[in-house]
Amino acid sequence: MATGRSIVVGVEAKGVRKEGIANGAINPGECLQIDAAVEPVGGRHTLEAVVGAVDGERSLVMVADVDFLQGRTNSDAYADGERVFAYCPLPGDELNVRVQASVGNLAIGDKLIIDSATGELIATTGTPEMEPFIVLETSATSASARLVHVMYTGH
């Protein structure tokens, strides 16, 4: 189970907080990318769940954060067109990230990669370009996507 009710865990996190406009439904804990087809509006880029060519593709790591300004929780999704908050971690930062339902049991030290179709995390498969997260808790298989406590590795 995730640690706390935030996405960014602990007061010592040193990454960069970002804001954007949601393209589609976005769940806190999913990895995001800038929608390159849309110009910024009011200085804010449009953000969408990661859509890559292959799982584990090297890219910017940006995780959807909770909208605490509206009193939301880590289970409240952003709707299309809403203001979305995100966090770009630095190595050592701890987060709660959304792991796909298809991922089985996880153990401390397991590595996770970004799924190229959903922005959720999956267990390492094949030869990914980057494995940005290591698991910091044991986590049992779930029928739906779940938040898991991880540390960002930086690579």
Protein backbone atom coordinates (compact mmCIF):
# COMPACT_ATOMS: atom_id res chain seq x y z
CA MET A 1 0.00 0.00 0.00
CA ALA A 2 1.16 3.53 -0.68
CA THR A 3 2.82 5.64 1.99
CA GLY A 4 0.56 8.49 3.13
CA ARG A 5 -1.98 10.20 0.90
CA SER A 6 0.39 12.26 -1.24
CA ILE A 7 2.18 11.38 -4.44
CA VAL A 8 5.42 13.13 -3.41
CA VAL A 9 6.47 11.53 -0.12
CA GLY A 10 8.45 13.38 2.54
CA VAL A 11 9.51 16.97 3.03
CA GLU A 12 13.00 16.50 1.61
CA ALA A 13 11.89 16.07 -2.03
CA LYS A 14 14.04 18.32 -4.24
CA GLY A 15 12.44 17.93 -7.68
CA VAL A 16 10.51 20.47 -9.72
CA ARG A 17 6.78 21.07 -9.47
CA LYS A 18 4.94 21.81 -12.73
CA GLU A 19 1.45 22.80 -13.80
CA GLY A 20 -0.33 22.10 -17.04
CA ILE A 21 -3.64 21.39 -18.70
CA ALA A 22 -4.90 17.80 -18.74
CA ASN A 23 -5.31 16.09 -22.11
CA GLY A 24 -7.70 13.27 -21.22
CA ALA A 25 -8.31 11.74 -17.81
CA ILE A 26 -5.15 11.63 -15.69
CA ASN A 27 -4.77 9.77 -12.39
CA PRO A 28 -2.34 10.95 -9.70
CA GLY A 29 0.75 8.73 -9.77
CA GLU A 30 0.75 8.25 -13.57
CA CYS A 31 3.74 9.40 -15.61
CA LEU A 32 3.08 12.31 -17.95
CA GLN A 33 4.56 13.94 -21.01
CA ILE A 34 4.10 17.28 -22.73
CA ASP A 35 1.65 17.07 -25.65
CA ALA A 36 3.89 18.31 -28.47
CA ALA A 37 0.92 18.94 -30.77
CA VAL A 38 -0.56 21.68 -28.56
CA GLU A 39 0.88 25.16 -28.02
CA PRO A 40 1.11 26.41 -24.40
CA VAL A 41 -1.90 28.33 -23.07
CA GLY A 42 -1.10 31.06 -20.56
CA GLY A 43 2.41 29.62 -20.20
CA ARG A 44 1.11 26.14 -19.35
CA HIS A 45 1.72 23.13 -21.57
CA THR A 46 -0.87 20.45 -22.16
CA LEU A 47 0.09 17.26 -20.30
CA GLU A 48 -1.00 13.72 -21.15
CA ALA A 49 -0.25 10.19 -19.99
CA VAL A 50 2.99 8.91 -21.52
CA VAL A 51 2.60 7.62 -25.05
CA GLY A 52 5.90 6.18 -26.27
CA ALA A 53 7.26 3.82 -28.86
CA VAL A 54 8.30 1.15 -26.37
CA ASP A 55 8.02 0.37 -22.63
CA GLY A 56 10.91 1.82 -20.65
CA GLU A 57 11.80 4.39 -23.31
CA ARG A 58 14.22 7.11 -22.12
CA SER A 59 12.33 10.36 -21.51
CA LEU A 60 11.58 13.04 -18.96
CA VAL A 61 10.03 11.58 -15.82
CA MET A 62 7.06 13.68 -14.69
CA VAL A 63 4.45 12.23 -12.32
CA ALA A 64 0.89 13.53 -11.88
CA ASP A 65 0.48 14.92 -8.37
CA VAL A 66 -2.62 15.38 -6.20
CA ASP A 67 -4.68 18.57 -6.60
CA PHE A 68 -4.64 19.61 -2.95
CA LEU A 69 -5.95 23.10 -3.87
CA GLN A 70 -9.34 21.56 -4.69
CA GLY A 71 -9.32 19.20 -1.69
CA ARG A 72 -8.79 16.11 -3.84
CA THR A 73 -7.11 12.86 -2.89
CA ASN A 74 -4.73 10.50 -4.68
CA SER A 75 -7.74 8.58 -6.01
CA ASP A 76 -9.36 11.60 -7.69
CA ALA A 77 -8.57 11.77 -11.42
CA TYR A 78 -8.15 14.97 -13.39
CA ALA A 79 -10.69 15.45 -16.18
CA ASP A 80 -9.83 16.55 -19.70
CA GLY A 81 -9.08 20.30 -19.78
CA GLU A 82 -8.54 20.70 -16.03
CA ARG A 83 -5.48 22.29 -14.45
CA VAL A 84 -3.12 19.43 -13.58
CA PHE A 85 -0.22 19.40 -11.12
CA ALA A 86 2.90 17.35 -11.77
CA TYR A 87 6.28 16.62 -10.20
CA CYS A 88 9.64 15.97 -11.89
CA PRO A 89 11.69 13.99 -9.33
CA LEU A 90 15.42 14.05 -8.64
CA PRO A 91 17.39 10.90 -7.69
CA GLY A 92 16.51 9.81 -4.16
CA ASP A 93 13.04 11.40 -4.15
CA GLU A 94 10.34 9.08 -2.86
CA LEU A 95 6.93 8.95 -4.49
CA ASN A 96 3.77 6.91 -4.72
CA VAL A 97 3.35 5.85 -8.36
CA ARG A 98 0.46 4.11 -10.08
CA VAL A 99 1.29 0.49 -10.98
CA GLN A 100 -0.80 -1.38 -13.56
CA ALA A 101 -3.26 -4.00 -12.36
CA SER A 102 -1.55 -6.64 -14.53
CA VAL A 103 1.64 -6.38 -12.45
CA GLY A 104 1.92 -9.19 -9.92
CA ASN A 105 3.41 -9.10 -6.44
CA LEU A 106 6.25 -6.63 -5.95
CA ALA A 107 9.14 -6.88 -3.49
CA ILE A 108 11.46 -4.24 -2.08
CA GLY A 109 14.18 -3.53 -4.64
CA ASP A 110 12.15 -4.51 -7.73
CA LYS A 111 12.63 -2.11 -10.65
CA LEU A 112 9.76 -0.49 -12.51
CA ILE A 113 9.55 1.03 -15.99
CA ILE A 114 7.00 3.34 -17.61
CA ASP A 115 4.38 1.63 -19.77
CA SER A 116 4.38 3.19 -23.23
CA ALA A 117 0.59 3.22 -23.56
CA THR A 118 -0.78 4.30 -20.18
CA GLY A 119 1.87 6.17 -18.18
CA GLU A 120 1.44 3.60 -15.40
CA LEU A 121 4.40 1.61 -14.11
CA ILE A 122 5.11 -2.02 -14.93
CA ALA A 123 7.78 -4.52 -13.93
CA THR A 124 10.95 -4.44 -16.02
CA THR A 125 10.68 -6.45 -19.23
CA GLY A 126 13.12 -6.89 -22.10
CA THR A 127 15.99 -4.42 -22.28
CA PRO A 128 14.53 -1.02 -21.37
CA GLU A 129 16.42 2.21 -21.93
CA MET A 130 15.71 3.30 -18.35
CA GLU A 131 14.43 1.85 -15.07
CA PRO A 132 13.54 5.02 -13.18
CA PHE A 133 11.98 3.56 -10.02
CA ILE A 134 12.83 0.97 -7.36
CA VAL A 135 10.12 -0.39 -5.08
CA LEU A 136 10.38 0.46 -1.36
CA GLU A 137 7.57 -1.78 -0.04
CA THR A 138 6.08 -5.18 -0.70
CA SER A 139 2.89 -4.89 -2.73
CA ALA A 140 0.41 -7.64 -3.51
CA THR A 141 -1.34 -8.14 -6.84
CA SER A 142 -4.48 -6.04 -7.20
CA ALA A 143 -7.53 -6.19 -9.48
CA SER A 144 -7.05 -2.49 -10.31
CA ALA A 145 -4.12 -0.10 -10.64
CA ARG A 146 -2.54 0.61 -7.26
CA LEU A 147 -0.20 3.19 -5.74
CA VAL A 148 3.19 1.82 -4.69
CA HIS A 149 5.90 3.55 -2.65
CA VAL A 150 9.07 3.92 -4.76
CA MET A 151 12.35 5.83 -5.02
CA TYR A 152 13.38 7.62 -8.19
CA THR A 153 16.78 6.33 -9.38
CA GLY A 154 17.55 8.95 -12.00
CA HIS A 155 18.13 6.36 -14.72
